Amino acid sequence: MTNFALDVSHLLAGSLVLLSLMMLYQDRMFGLINIFTLHAIALMLAVFWQGYIQNAPSLFVTALIALTVKAVIIPIALRRVVIRLGIDRTIETVVGVGPTMGRALTLTHS
């Protein structure tokens, strides 16, 4: 694998971690669903990239499934549920954002 391929893989993995941390920080329901969708797109790109550099066609199918289910179907369904139940307000957290982010960073620290 070339340095460029490794750099792109690291970029995609880092974006997945960053988007995961953004989901912890988000306190609006629709914002959380939007970040979930971005996370799904980043996951699809990471799987697609691995399929490309490893010449593994099965990973292309996996990327397509991830895009279809996680980036399209689930967010649409969640939006409909949120609208139908009228829960589009701020999400109440049990633990504050600071301690949650601190724990998340501790878990992701290498």
PDB file of N, CA and C in Angstrom:
ATOM      1  N   MET A   1       0.849  -1.176   0.000  1.00  0.00           N
ATOM      2  CA  MET A   1       0.000   0.000   0.000  1.00  0.00           C
ATOM      3  C   MET A   1       0.895   1.241   0.000  1.00  0.00           C
ATOM      4  N   THR A   2       0.534   2.212  -0.808  1.00  0.00           N
ATOM      5  CA  THR A   2       1.338   3.424  -0.921  1.00  0.00           C
ATOM      6  C   THR A   2       1.066   4.372   0.248  1.00  0.00           C
ATOM      7  N   ASN A   3       1.916   5.362   0.370  1.00  0.00           N
ATOM      8  CA  ASN A   3       1.728   6.360   1.423  1.00  0.00           C
ATOM      9  C   ASN A   3       0.427   7.130   1.230  1.00  0.00           C
ATOM     10  N   PHE A   4       0.084   7.407  -0.029  1.00  0.00           N
ATOM     11  CA  PHE A   4      -1.160   8.120  -0.304  1.00  0.00           C
ATOM     12  C   PHE A   4      -2.366   7.306   0.170  1.00  0.00           C
ATOM     13  N   ALA A   5      -2.360   6.014  -0.106  1.00  0.00           N
ATOM     14  CA  ALA A   5      -3.469   5.150   0.303  1.00  0.00           C
ATOM     15  C   ALA A   5      -3.580   5.116   1.828  1.00  0.00           C
ATOM     16  N   LEU A   6      -2.447   5.053   2.507  1.00  0.00           N
ATOM     17  CA  LEU A   6      -2.465   5.081   3.975  1.00  0.00           C
ATOM     18  C   LEU A   6      -2.962   6.416   4.498  1.00  0.00           C
ATOM     19  N   ASP A   7      -2.548   7.501   3.869  1.00  0.00           N
ATOM     20  CA  ASP A   7      -2.992   8.828   4.293  1.00  0.00           C
ATOM     21  C   ASP A   7      -4.507   8.979   4.157  1.00  0.00           C
ATOM     22  N   VAL A   8      -5.045   8.517   3.039  1.00  0.00           N
ATOM     23  CA  VAL A   8      -6.491   8.601   2.840  1.00  0.00           C
ATOM     24  C   VAL A   8      -7.214   7.722   3.860  1.00  0.00           C
ATOM     25  N   SER A   9      -6.685   6.525   4.112  1.00  0.00           N
ATOM     26  CA  SER A   9      -7.292   5.641   5.115  1.00  0.00           C
ATOM     27  C   SER A   9      -7.297   6.286   6.490  1.00  0.00           C
ATOM     28  N   HIS A  10      -6.192   6.913   6.850  1.00  0.00           N
ATOM     29  CA  HIS A  10      -6.119   7.594   8.150  1.00  0.00           C
ATOM     30  C   HIS A  10      -7.062   8.792   8.208  1.00  0.00           C
ATOM     31  N   LEU A  11      -7.169   9.509   7.107  1.00  0.00           N
ATOM     32  CA  LEU A  11      -8.091  10.646   7.053  1.00  0.00           C
ATOM     33  C   LEU A  11      -9.528  10.186   7.264  1.00  0.00           C
ATOM     34  N   LEU A  12      -9.911   9.113   6.599  1.00  0.00           N
ATOM     35  CA  LEU A  12     -11.273   8.607   6.740  1.00  0.00           C
ATOM     36  C   LEU A  12     -11.528   8.060   8.141  1.00  0.00           C
ATOM     37  N   ALA A  13     -10.546   7.357   8.701  1.00  0.00           N
ATOM     38  CA  ALA A  13     -10.704   6.844  10.069  1.00  0.00           C
ATOM     39  C   ALA A  13     -10.800   7.994  11.064  1.00  0.00           C
ATOM     40  N   GLY A  14      -9.976   9.017  10.877  1.00  0.00           N
ATOM     41  CA  GLY A  14     -10.032  10.181  11.758  1.00  0.00           C
ATOM     42  C   GLY A  14     -11.350  10.919  11.651  1.00  0.00           C
ATOM     43  N   SER A  15     -11.892  10.988  10.437  1.00  0.00           N
ATOM     44  CA  SER A  15     -13.182  11.656  10.281  1.00  0.00           C
ATOM     45  C   SER A  15     -14.292  10.864  10.961  1.00  0.00           C
ATOM     46  N   LEU A  16     -14.188   9.536  10.969  1.00  0.00           N
ATOM     47  CA  LEU A  16     -15.175   8.721  11.686  1.00  0.00           C
ATOM     48  C   LEU A  16     -15.118   8.993  13.188  1.00  0.00           C
ATOM     49  N   VAL A  17     -13.907   9.100  13.728  1.00  0.00           N
ATOM     50  CA  VAL A  17     -13.770   9.389  15.161  1.00  0.00           C
ATOM     51  C   VAL A  17     -14.296  10.784  15.467  1.00  0.00           C
ATOM     52  N   LEU A  18     -13.944  11.751  14.634  1.00  0.00           N
ATOM     53  CA  LEU A  18     -14.403  13.127  14.846  1.00  0.00           C
ATOM     54  C   LEU A  18     -15.926  13.217  14.796  1.00  0.00           C
ATOM     55  N   LEU A  19     -16.532  12.562  13.830  1.00  0.00           N
ATOM     56  CA  LEU A  19     -17.995  12.595  13.729  1.00  0.00           C
ATOM     57  C   LEU A  19     -18.646  11.861  14.898  1.00  0.00           C
ATOM     58  N   SER A  20     -18.010  10.826  15.403  1.00  0.00           N
ATOM     59  CA  SER A  20     -18.536  10.144  16.593  1.00  0.00           C
ATOM     60  C   SER A  20     -18.517  11.077  17.802  1.00  0.00           C
ATOM     61  N   LEU A  21     -17.435  11.828  17.954  1.00  0.00           N
ATOM     62  CA  LEU A  21     -17.360  12.795  19.047  1.00  0.00           C
ATOM     63  C   LEU A  21     -18.379  13.922  18.855  1.00  0.00           C
ATOM     64  N   MET A  22     -18.616  14.310  17.615  1.00  0.00           N
ATOM     65  CA  MET A  22     -19.618  15.344  17.354  1.00  0.00           C
ATOM     66  C   MET A  22     -21.016  14.854  17.743  1.00  0.00           C
ATOM     67  N   MET A  23     -21.281  13.565  17.551  1.00  0.00           N
ATOM     68  CA  MET A  23     -22.584  13.023  17.953  1.00  0.00           C
ATOM     69  C   MET A  23     -22.758  13.106  19.465  1.00  0.00           C
ATOM     70  N   LEU A  24     -21.678  12.909  20.211  1.00  0.00           N
ATOM     71  CA  LEU A  24     -21.767  13.028  21.666  1.00  0.00           C
ATOM     72  C   LEU A  24     -22.045  14.461  22.099  1.00  0.00           C
ATOM     73  N   TYR A  25     -21.531  15.413  21.336  1.00  0.00           N
ATOM     74  CA  TYR A  25     -21.641  16.822  21.699  1.00  0.00           C
ATOM     75  C   TYR A  25     -22.991  17.420  21.309  1.00  0.00           C
ATOM     76  N   GLN A  26     -23.640  16.858  20.303  1.00  0.00           N
ATOM     77  CA  GLN A  26     -24.874  17.433  19.757  1.00  0.00           C
ATOM     78  C   GLN A  26     -26.026  17.344  20.745  1.00  0.00           C
ATOM     79  N   ASP A  27     -26.787  18.435  20.862  1.00  0.00           N
ATOM     80  CA  ASP A  27     -27.915  18.429  21.796  1.00  0.00           C
ATOM     81  C   ASP A  27     -29.253  18.708  21.112  1.00  0.00           C
ATOM     82  N   ARG A  28     -29.290  18.720  19.797  1.00  0.00           N
ATOM     83  CA  ARG A  28     -30.531  18.874  19.033  1.00  0.00           C
ATOM     84  C   ARG A  28     -30.797  17.590  18.256  1.00  0.00           C
ATOM     85  N   MET A  29     -32.047  17.174  18.235  1.00  0.00           N
ATOM     86  CA  MET A  29     -32.401  15.902  17.620  1.00  0.00           C
ATOM     87  C   MET A  29     -32.094  15.880  16.123  1.00  0.00           C
ATOM     88  N   PHE A  30     -32.511  16.917  15.391  1.00  0.00           N
ATOM     89  CA  PHE A  30     -32.256  16.932  13.952  1.00  0.00           C
ATOM     90  C   PHE A  30     -30.774  17.092  13.648  1.00  0.00           C
ATOM     91  N   GLY A  31     -30.063  17.836  14.486  1.00  0.00           N
ATOM     92  CA  GLY A  31     -28.619  17.936  14.332  1.00  0.00           C
ATOM     93  C   GLY A  31     -27.939  16.596  14.522  1.00  0.00           C
ATOM     94  N   LEU A  32     -28.411  15.845  15.489  1.00  0.00           N
ATOM     95  CA  LEU A  32     -27.860  14.514  15.746  1.00  0.00           C
ATOM     96  C   LEU A  32     -28.113  13.586  14.556  1.00  0.00           C
ATOM     97  N   ILE A  33     -29.302  13.668  13.980  1.00  0.00           N
ATOM     98  CA  ILE A  33     -29.609  12.837  12.814  1.00  0.00           C
ATOM     99  C   ILE A  33     -28.738  13.248  11.624  1.00  0.00           C
ATOM    100  N   ASN A  34     -28.497  14.541  11.457  1.00  0.00           N
ATOM    101  CA  ASN A  34     -27.628  15.012  10.367  1.00  0.00           C
ATOM    102  C   ASN A  34     -26.202  14.501  10.531  1.00  0.00           C
ATOM    103  N   ILE A  35     -25.688  14.545  11.757  1.00  0.00           N
ATOM    104  CA  ILE A  35     -24.330  14.057  11.997  1.00  0.00           C
ATOM    105  C   ILE A  35     -24.279  12.539  11.819  1.00  0.00           C
ATOM    106  N   PHE A  36     -25.330  11.852  12.230  1.00  0.00           N
ATOM    107  CA  PHE A  36     -25.431  10.408  12.002  1.00  0.00           C
ATOM    108  C   PHE A  36     -25.336  10.104  10.508  1.00  0.00           C
ATOM    109  N   THR A  37     -25.997  10.913   9.692  1.00  0.00           N
ATOM    110  CA  THR A  37     -25.953  10.730   8.243  1.00  0.00           C
ATOM    111  C   THR A  37     -24.546  10.985   7.708  1.00  0.00           C
ATOM    112  N   LEU A  38     -23.889  12.034   8.185  1.00  0.00           N
ATOM    113  CA  LEU A  38     -22.510  12.304   7.774  1.00  0.00           C
ATOM    114  C   LEU A  38     -21.579  11.167   8.182  1.00  0.00           C
ATOM    115  N   HIS A  39     -21.806  10.619   9.373  1.00  0.00           N
ATOM    116  CA  HIS A  39     -21.013   9.489   9.849  1.00  0.00           C
ATOM    117  C   HIS A  39     -21.207   8.290   8.915  1.00  0.00           C
ATOM    118  N   ALA A  40     -22.435   8.069   8.481  1.00  0.00           N
ATOM    119  CA  ALA A  40     -22.715   6.964   7.567  1.00  0.00           C
ATOM    120  C   ALA A  40     -22.010   7.159   6.232  1.00  0.00           C
ATOM    121  N   ILE A  41     -21.982   8.400   5.756  1.00  0.00           N
ATOM    122  CA  ILE A  41     -21.303   8.687   4.491  1.00  0.00           C
ATOM    123  C   ILE A  41     -19.798   8.480   4.639  1.00  0.00           C
ATOM    124  N   ALA A  42     -19.230   8.918   5.758  1.00  0.00           N
ATOM    125  CA  ALA A  42     -17.803   8.705   6.005  1.00  0.00           C
ATOM    126  C   ALA A  42     -17.493   7.212   6.112  1.00  0.00           C
ATOM    127  N   LEU A  43     -18.373   6.455   6.745  1.00  0.00           N
ATOM    128  CA  LEU A  43     -18.192   5.005   6.838  1.00  0.00           C
ATOM    129  C   LEU A  43     -18.230   4.378   5.452  1.00  0.00           C
ATOM    130  N   MET A  44     -19.170   4.802   4.639  1.00  0.00           N
ATOM    131  CA  MET A  44     -19.268   4.274   3.281  1.00  0.00           C
ATOM    132  C   MET A  44     -17.997   4.588   2.489  1.00  0.00           C
ATOM    133  N   LEU A  45     -17.498   5.811   2.627  1.00  0.00           N
ATOM    134  CA  LEU A  45     -16.272   6.185   1.918  1.00  0.00           C
ATOM    135  C   LEU A  45     -15.077   5.362   2.387  1.00  0.00           C
ATOM    136  N   ALA A  46     -14.999   5.115   3.700  1.00  0.00           N
ATOM    137  CA  ALA A  46     -13.890   4.320   4.238  1.00  0.00           C
ATOM    138  C   ALA A  46     -13.945   2.887   3.721  1.00  0.00           C
ATOM    139  N   VAL A  47     -15.126   2.296   3.706  1.00  0.00           N
ATOM    140  CA  VAL A  47     -15.267   0.925   3.206  1.00  0.00           C
ATOM    141  C   VAL A  47     -14.996   0.882   1.700  1.00  0.00           C
ATOM    142  N   PHE A  48     -15.518   1.858   0.968  1.00  0.00           N
ATOM    143  CA  PHE A  48     -15.279   1.923  -0.474  1.00  0.00           C
ATOM    144  C   PHE A  48     -13.787   2.046  -0.768  1.00  0.00           C
ATOM    145  N   TRP A  49     -13.110   2.905  -0.005  1.00  0.00           N
ATOM    146  CA  TRP A  49     -11.673   3.109  -0.214  1.00  0.00           C
ATOM    147  C   TRP A  49     -10.903   1.821   0.052  1.00  0.00           C
ATOM    148  N   GLN A  50     -11.267   1.107   1.111  1.00  0.00           N
ATOM    149  CA  GLN A  50     -10.591  -0.160   1.400  1.00  0.00           C
ATOM    150  C   GLN A  50     -10.864  -1.177   0.290  1.00  0.00           C
ATOM    151  N   GLY A  51     -12.076  -1.185  -0.230  1.00  0.00           N
ATOM    152  CA  GLY A  51     -12.376  -2.072  -1.351  1.00  0.00           C
ATOM    153  C   GLY A  51     -11.540  -1.733  -2.574  1.00  0.00           C
ATOM    154  N   TYR A  52     -11.338  -0.451  -2.793  1.00  0.00           N
ATOM    155  CA  TYR A  52     -10.549  -0.005  -3.945  1.00  0.00           C
ATOM    156  C   TYR A  52      -9.082  -0.390  -3.799  1.00  0.00           C
ATOM    157  N   ILE A  53      -8.480  -0.072  -2.643  1.00  0.00           N
ATOM    158  CA  ILE A  53      -7.039  -0.323  -2.510  1.00  0.00           C
ATOM    159  C   ILE A  53      -6.719  -1.802  -2.297  1.00  0.00           C
ATOM    160  N   GLN A  54      -7.677  -2.584  -1.813  1.00  0.00           N
ATOM    161  CA  GLN A  54      -7.450  -4.017  -1.625  1.00  0.00           C
ATOM    162  C   GLN A  54      -7.981  -4.844  -2.789  1.00  0.00           C
ATOM    163  N   ASN A  55      -8.584  -4.184  -3.765  1.00  0.00           N
ATOM    164  CA  ASN A  55      -9.192  -4.854  -4.910  1.00  0.00           C
ATOM    165  C   ASN A  55     -10.165  -5.941  -4.438  1.00  0.00           C
ATOM    166  N   ALA A  56     -11.087  -5.538  -3.566  1.00  0.00           N
ATOM    167  CA  ALA A  56     -12.068  -6.453  -2.980  1.00  0.00           C
ATOM    168  C   ALA A  56     -13.472  -5.989  -3.360  1.00  0.00           C
ATOM    169  N   PRO A  57     -14.065  -6.546  -4.403  1.00  0.00           N
ATOM    170  CA  PRO A  57     -15.394  -6.130  -4.850  1.00  0.00           C
ATOM    171  C   PRO A  57     -16.475  -6.306  -3.786  1.00  0.00           C
ATOM    172  N   SER A  58     -16.294  -7.257  -2.882  1.00  0.00           N
ATOM    173  CA  SER A  58     -17.308  -7.461  -1.838  1.00  0.00           C
ATOM    174  C   SER A  58     -17.425  -6.234  -0.939  1.00  0.00           C
ATOM    175  N   LEU A  59     -16.354  -5.481  -0.775  1.00  0.00           N
ATOM    176  CA  LEU A  59     -16.413  -4.269   0.034  1.00  0.00           C
ATOM    177  C   LEU A  59     -17.200  -3.162  -0.660  1.00  0.00           C
ATOM    178  N   PHE A  60     -17.239  -3.170  -1.983  1.00  0.00           N
ATOM    179  CA  PHE A  60     -18.066  -2.204  -2.702  1.00  0.00           C
ATOM    180  C   PHE A  60     -19.546  -2.448  -2.401  1.00  0.00           C
ATOM    181  N   VAL A  61     -19.920  -3.721  -2.342  1.00  0.00           N
ATOM    182  CA  VAL A  61     -21.300  -4.066  -2.010  1.00  0.00           C
ATOM    183  C   VAL A  61     -21.609  -3.639  -0.579  1.00  0.00           C
ATOM    184  N   THR A  62     -20.667  -3.872   0.330  1.00  0.00           N
ATOM    185  CA  THR A  62     -20.841  -3.461   1.719  1.00  0.00           C
ATOM    186  C   THR A  62     -20.990  -1.946   1.826  1.00  0.00           C
ATOM    187  N   ALA A  63     -20.197  -1.206   1.064  1.00  0.00           N
ATOM    188  CA  ALA A  63     -20.295   0.254   1.068  1.00  0.00           C
ATOM    189  C   ALA A  63     -21.655   0.711   0.557  1.00  0.00           C
ATOM    190  N   LEU A  64     -22.147   0.063  -0.474  1.00  0.00           N
ATOM    191  CA  LEU A  64     -23.455   0.410  -1.018  1.00  0.00           C
ATOM    192  C   LEU A  64     -24.569   0.117  -0.010  1.00  0.00           C
ATOM    193  N   ILE A  65     -24.461  -0.995   0.684  1.00  0.00           N
ATOM    194  CA  ILE A  65     -25.451  -1.328   1.715  1.00  0.00           C
ATOM    195  C   ILE A  65     -25.402  -0.310   2.844  1.00  0.00           C
ATOM    196  N   ALA A  66     -24.192   0.070   3.269  1.00  0.00           N
ATOM    197  CA  ALA A  66     -24.052   1.066   4.335  1.00  0.00           C
ATOM    198  C   ALA A  66     -24.658   2.401   3.913  1.00  0.00           C
ATOM    199  N   LEU A  67     -24.410   2.787   2.664  1.00  0.00           N
ATOM    200  CA  LEU A  67     -24.969   4.043   2.168  1.00  0.00           C
ATOM    201  C   LEU A  67     -26.489   3.981   2.129  1.00  0.00           C
ATOM    202  N   THR A  68     -27.017   2.909   1.598  1.00  0.00           N
ATOM    203  CA  THR A  68     -28.467   2.786   1.448  1.00  0.00           C
ATOM    204  C   THR A  68     -29.183   2.730   2.790  1.00  0.00           C
ATOM    205  N   VAL A  69     -28.697   1.872   3.668  1.00  0.00           N
ATOM    206  CA  VAL A  69     -29.403   1.662   4.939  1.00  0.00           C
ATOM    207  C   VAL A  69     -29.087   2.755   5.945  1.00  0.00           C
ATOM    208  N   LYS A  70     -27.794   2.967   6.199  1.00  0.00           N
ATOM    209  CA  LYS A  70     -27.424   3.876   7.287  1.00  0.00           C
ATOM    210  C   LYS A  70     -27.502   5.354   6.907  1.00  0.00           C
ATOM    211  N   ALA A  71     -27.280   5.684   5.644  1.00  0.00           N
ATOM    212  CA  ALA A  71     -27.274   7.099   5.263  1.00  0.00           C
ATOM    213  C   ALA A  71     -28.585   7.573   4.655  1.00  0.00           C
ATOM    214  N   VAL A  72     -29.463   6.642   4.260  1.00  0.00           N
ATOM    215  CA  VAL A  72     -30.716   7.057   3.625  1.00  0.00           C
ATOM    216  C   VAL A  72     -31.926   6.560   4.414  1.00  0.00           C
ATOM    217  N   ILE A  73     -32.074   5.260   4.540  1.00  0.00           N
ATOM    218  CA  ILE A  73     -33.288   4.693   5.129  1.00  0.00           C
ATOM    219  C   ILE A  73     -33.438   5.047   6.607  1.00  0.00           C
ATOM    220  N   ILE A  74     -32.406   4.815   7.406  1.00  0.00           N
ATOM    221  CA  ILE A  74     -32.512   5.075   8.845  1.00  0.00           C
ATOM    222  C   ILE A  74     -32.735   6.561   9.148  1.00  0.00           C
ATOM    223  N   PRO A  75     -31.968   7.494   8.543  1.00  0.00           N
ATOM    224  CA  PRO A  75     -32.246   8.915   8.828  1.00  0.00           C
ATOM    225  C   PRO A  75     -33.649   9.366   8.430  1.00  0.00           C
ATOM    226  N   ILE A  76     -34.152   8.875   7.298  1.00  0.00           N
ATOM    227  CA  ILE A  76     -35.519   9.241   6.898  1.00  0.00           C
ATOM    228  C   ILE A  76     -36.518   8.722   7.921  1.00  0.00           C
ATOM    229  N   ALA A  77     -36.341   7.474   8.336  1.00  0.00           N
ATOM    230  CA  ALA A  77     -37.245   6.903   9.339  1.00  0.00           C
ATOM    231  C   ALA A  77     -37.155   7.653  10.662  1.00  0.00           C
ATOM    232  N   LEU A  78     -35.944   8.016  11.081  1.00  0.00           N
ATOM    233  CA  LEU A  78     -35.785   8.750  12.337  1.00  0.00           C
ATOM    234  C   LEU A  78     -36.431  10.127  12.267  1.00  0.00           C
ATOM    235  N   ARG A  79     -36.266  10.805  11.136  1.00  0.00           N
ATOM    236  CA  ARG A  79     -36.905  12.120  10.981  1.00  0.00           C
ATOM    237  C   ARG A  79     -38.418  12.012  11.078  1.00  0.00           C
ATOM    238  N   ARG A  80     -38.983  11.005  10.432  1.00  0.00           N
ATOM    239  CA  ARG A  80     -40.432  10.815  10.496  1.00  0.00           C
ATOM    240  C   ARG A  80     -40.899  10.541  11.914  1.00  0.00           C
ATOM    241  N   VAL A  81     -40.154   9.721  12.655  1.00  0.00           N
ATOM    242  CA  VAL A  81     -40.526   9.421  14.040  1.00  0.00           C
ATOM    243  C   VAL A  81     -40.429  10.672  14.899  1.00  0.00           C
ATOM    244  N   VAL A  82     -39.357  11.441  14.722  1.00  0.00           N
ATOM    245  CA  VAL A  82     -39.168  12.670  15.504  1.00  0.00           C
ATOM    246  C   VAL A  82     -40.302  13.651  15.231  1.00  0.00           C
ATOM    247  N   ILE A  83     -40.659  13.810  13.971  1.00  0.00           N
ATOM    248  CA  ILE A  83     -41.745  14.736  13.621  1.00  0.00           C
ATOM    249  C   ILE A  83     -43.078  14.220  14.159  1.00  0.00           C
ATOM    250  N   ARG A  84     -43.329  12.930  13.974  1.00  0.00           N
ATOM    251  CA  ARG A  84     -44.601  12.359  14.406  1.00  0.00           C
ATOM    252  C   ARG A  84     -44.770  12.441  15.929  1.00  0.00           C
ATOM    253  N   LEU A  85     -43.685  12.213  16.673  1.00  0.00           N
ATOM    254  CA  LEU A  85     -43.763  12.262  18.135  1.00  0.00           C
ATOM    255  C   LEU A  85     -43.576  13.664  18.692  1.00  0.00           C
ATOM    256  N   GLY A  86     -43.138  14.592  17.855  1.00  0.00           N
ATOM    257  CA  GLY A  86     -42.950  15.969  18.308  1.00  0.00           C
ATOM    258  C   GLY A  86     -41.805  16.124  19.294  1.00  0.00           C
ATOM    259  N   ILE A  87     -40.709  15.406  19.063  1.00  0.00           N
ATOM    260  CA  ILE A  87     -39.571  15.465  19.989  1.00  0.00           C
ATOM    261  C   ILE A  87     -38.379  16.182  19.349  1.00  0.00           C
ATOM    262  N   ASP A  88     -38.656  17.229  18.578  1.00  0.00           N
ATOM    263  CA  ASP A  88     -37.586  17.939  17.878  1.00  0.00           C
ATOM    264  C   ASP A  88     -36.932  19.021  18.730  1.00  0.00           C
ATOM    265  N   ARG A  89     -37.055  18.923  20.013  1.00  0.00           N
ATOM    266  CA  ARG A  89     -36.464  19.926  20.913  1.00  0.00           C
ATOM    267  C   ARG A  89     -35.049  19.494  21.329  1.00  0.00           C
ATOM    268  N   THR A  90     -34.484  20.220  22.255  1.00  0.00           N
ATOM    269  CA  THR A  90     -33.154  19.921  22.767  1.00  0.00           C
ATOM    270  C   THR A  90     -33.180  18.615  23.554  1.00  0.00           C
ATOM    271  N   ILE A  91     -32.137  17.831  23.376  1.00  0.00           N
ATOM    272  CA  ILE A  91     -32.012  16.564  24.080  1.00  0.00           C
ATOM    273  C   ILE A  91     -31.479  16.831  25.480  1.00  0.00           C
ATOM    274  N   GLU A  92     -32.141  16.285  26.486  1.00  0.00           N
ATOM    275  CA  GLU A  92     -31.666  16.427  27.861  1.00  0.00           C
ATOM    276  C   GLU A  92     -30.625  15.350  28.131  1.00  0.00           C
ATOM    277  N   THR A  93     -29.487  15.761  28.672  1.00  0.00           N
ATOM    278  CA  THR A  93     -28.418  14.809  28.955  1.00  0.00           C
ATOM    279  C   THR A  93     -28.388  14.487  30.439  1.00  0.00           C
ATOM    280  N   VAL A  94     -27.999  13.270  30.747  1.00  0.00           N
ATOM    281  CA  VAL A  94     -27.872  12.855  32.141  1.00  0.00           C
ATOM    282  C   VAL A  94     -26.562  13.360  32.707  1.00  0.00           C
ATOM    283  N   VAL A  95     -25.509  13.221  31.937  1.00  0.00           N
ATOM    284  CA  VAL A  95     -24.175  13.694  32.318  1.00  0.00           C
ATOM    285  C   VAL A  95     -23.843  14.864  31.408  1.00  0.00           C
ATOM    286  N   GLY A  96     -23.140  15.846  31.911  1.00  0.00           N
ATOM    287  CA  GLY A  96     -22.793  17.020  31.119  1.00  0.00           C
ATOM    288  C   GLY A  96     -21.905  16.692  29.939  1.00  0.00           C
ATOM    289  N   VAL A  97     -21.802  17.644  29.019  1.00  0.00           N
ATOM    290  CA  VAL A  97     -21.013  17.453  27.806  1.00  0.00           C
ATOM    291  C   VAL A  97     -19.532  17.309  28.144  1.00  0.00           C
ATOM    292  N   GLY A  98     -19.047  18.092  29.090  1.00  0.00           N
ATOM    293  CA  GLY A  98     -17.629  18.048  29.461  1.00  0.00           C
ATOM    294  C   GLY A  98     -17.176  16.667  29.907  1.00  0.00           C
ATOM    295  N   PRO A  99     -17.826  16.088  30.941  1.00  0.00           N
ATOM    296  CA  PRO A  99     -17.422  14.743  31.354  1.00  0.00           C
ATOM    297  C   PRO A  99     -17.594  13.682  30.260  1.00  0.00           C
ATOM    298  N   THR A 100     -18.635  13.819  29.456  1.00  0.00           N
ATOM    299  CA  THR A 100     -18.856  12.860  28.373  1.00  0.00           C
ATOM    300  C   THR A 100     -17.729  12.931  27.350  1.00  0.00           C
ATOM    301  N   MET A 101     -17.359  14.149  26.959  1.00  0.00           N
ATOM    302  CA  MET A 101     -16.273  14.308  25.987  1.00  0.00           C
ATOM    303  C   MET A 101     -14.941  13.857  26.595  1.00  0.00           C
ATOM    304  N   GLY A 102     -14.736  14.141  27.864  1.00  0.00           N
ATOM    305  CA  GLY A 102     -13.513  13.692  28.529  1.00  0.00           C
ATOM    306  C   GLY A 102     -13.383  12.185  28.519  1.00  0.00           C
ATOM    307  N   ARG A 103     -14.464  11.496  28.817  1.00  0.00           N
ATOM    308  CA  ARG A 103     -14.448  10.030  28.783  1.00  0.00           C
ATOM    309  C   ARG A 103     -14.228   9.514  27.376  1.00  0.00           C
ATOM    310  N   ALA A 104     -14.869  10.146  26.415  1.00  0.00           N
ATOM    311  CA  ALA A 104     -14.717   9.720  25.015  1.00  0.00           C
ATOM    312  C   ALA A 104     -13.278   9.906  24.542  1.00  0.00           C
ATOM    313  N   LEU A 105     -12.681  11.039  24.883  1.00  0.00           N
ATOM    314  CA  LEU A 105     -11.301  11.280  24.493  1.00  0.00           C
ATOM    315  C   LEU A 105     -10.342  10.307  25.185  1.00  0.00           C
ATOM    316  N   THR A 106     -10.647   9.976  26.429  1.00  0.00           N
ATOM    317  CA  THR A 106      -9.830   8.998  27.145  1.00  0.00           C
ATOM    318  C   THR A 106      -9.907   7.639  26.462  1.00  0.00           C
ATOM    319  N   LEU A 107     -11.087   7.244  26.035  1.00  0.00           N
ATOM    320  CA  LEU A 107     -11.244   5.956  25.363  1.00  0.00           C
ATOM    321  C   LEU A 107     -10.573   5.920  23.994  1.00  0.00           C
ATOM    322  N   THR A 108     -10.530   7.053  23.296  1.00  0.00           N
ATOM    323  CA  THR A 108      -9.943   7.068  21.958  1.00  0.00           C
ATOM    324  C   THR A 108      -8.462   7.411  21.958  1.00  0.00           C
ATOM    325  N   HIS A 109      -7.915   7.773  23.092  1.00  0.00           N
ATOM    326  CA  HIS A 109      -6.487   8.121  23.170  1.00  0.00           C
ATOM    327  C   HIS A 109      -5.667   6.863  22.966  1.00  0.00           C
ATOM    328  N   SER A 110      -4.651   6.969  22.138  1.00  0.00           N
ATOM    329  CA  SER A 110      -3.855   5.765  21.853  1.00  0.00           C
ATOM    330  C   SER A 110      -2.683   5.613  22.781  1.00  0.00           C
TER     331      SER A 110
END
